[in-house]
Protein backbone atom coordinates (compact mmCIF):
# COMPACT_ATOMS: atom_id res chain seq x y z
CA MET A 1 18.13 -8.29 -2.06
CA THR A 2 14.79 -6.95 -3.18
CA PHE A 3 11.73 -7.19 -1.27
CA LYS A 4 8.22 -5.96 -2.27
CA ARG A 5 5.82 -6.03 0.64
CA SER A 6 2.10 -4.27 1.37
CA SER A 7 1.41 -2.46 4.36
CA ASP A 8 -1.53 -3.56 6.66
CA ILE A 9 -4.83 -2.36 5.51
CA TYR A 10 -6.56 0.93 6.73
CA PHE A 11 -9.73 2.17 6.88
CA ILE A 12 -9.89 5.58 5.32
CA LYS A 13 -13.15 7.55 5.22
CA SER A 14 -14.95 9.34 2.80
CA GLY A 15 -12.81 12.58 2.13
CA GLU A 16 -10.02 11.52 4.60
CA SER A 17 -6.43 12.46 3.30
CA THR A 18 -4.12 8.91 3.21
CA VAL A 19 -1.11 11.02 3.59
CA LYS A 20 -0.77 10.31 7.50
CA TYR A 21 -0.89 6.50 6.56
CA SER A 22 1.35 6.80 3.58
CA ILE A 23 4.24 9.40 4.80
CA GLY A 24 6.23 6.52 6.90
CA PHE A 25 6.11 4.28 4.41
CA SER A 26 7.46 6.71 1.85
CA ILE A 27 10.04 7.93 3.71
CA ILE A 28 11.48 4.55 4.11
CA THR A 29 11.06 3.68 0.76
CA PHE A 30 12.85 6.79 -0.54
CA ILE A 31 15.59 6.45 1.51
CA LEU A 32 16.22 2.34 1.54
CA GLY A 33 14.38 1.34 -1.81
CA TRP A 34 16.96 2.24 -4.00
CA TRP A 35 19.31 -0.08 -2.87
CA GLY A 36 17.97 -3.40 -3.81
CA VAL A 37 19.17 -5.25 -6.78
CA PRO A 38 18.27 -5.76 -9.13
CA TRP A 39 14.63 -4.00 -9.09
CA GLY A 40 14.95 -1.74 -6.09
CA PRO A 41 14.88 1.41 -8.15
CA ILE A 42 11.91 0.45 -10.33
CA TYR A 43 10.18 -0.96 -7.45
CA THR A 44 10.88 2.04 -5.88
CA ILE A 45 9.59 4.92 -7.94
CA GLY A 46 6.26 2.72 -8.36
CA SER A 47 5.78 2.45 -4.62
CA LEU A 48 6.39 6.29 -4.44
CA TYR A 49 4.02 6.77 -6.96
CA ARG A 50 1.34 4.89 -5.63
CA ASN A 51 1.60 6.55 -2.04
CA ILE A 52 1.33 9.98 -3.83
CA SER A 53 -1.52 8.84 -5.63
CA GLY A 54 -3.56 7.59 -2.68
CA GLY A 55 -2.63 3.95 -2.49
CA LYS A 56 -4.48 1.11 -3.74
CA ASP A 57 -8.08 0.61 -3.23
CA ILE A 58 -9.20 -2.97 -1.89
CA THR A 59 -12.43 -1.69 -0.62
CA GLN A 60 -14.67 -4.46 -3.04
CA GLU A 61 -12.22 -7.09 -1.84
CA VAL A 62 -12.59 -6.69 1.59
CA LEU A 63 -16.59 -6.31 1.25
CA ALA A 64 -16.35 -9.48 -0.90
CA SER A 65 -14.27 -11.43 1.57
CA LEU A 66 -16.84 -10.18 4.53
CA ASN A 67 -19.89 -11.25 2.66
CA ALA A 68 -18.08 -14.63 2.32
CA ASN A 69 -17.74 -14.68 5.78
CA VAL A 70 -21.57 -14.38 6.71
CA ILE A 71 -22.84 -16.37 4.12
CA GLU A 72 -20.48 -19.51 5.31
CA GLU A 73 -21.80 -19.05 9.22
C-alpha cells in the first residue's frame, strides 16, 4: 500500500540549509519508499528530488493564514 504524507512545517531562516530537516525523511524514503505498490517508486523519486532541491516553500500560504486569523479577531 502506498502512502504520501507531508512532514511538519519548519521555519528555515534566510541562508540556512534545509538538509538538517530533510535528511531523516530522505533516508526513510530511500529505504522504505520503493516498496509501496503501485506508486512507491514514482513517489519515492519525486520525494527525494523535492528534499534534495530544498523542499516546498509554503511561506505565502502561512502568512496568508496568519493574516486571516488576525483579521478575524
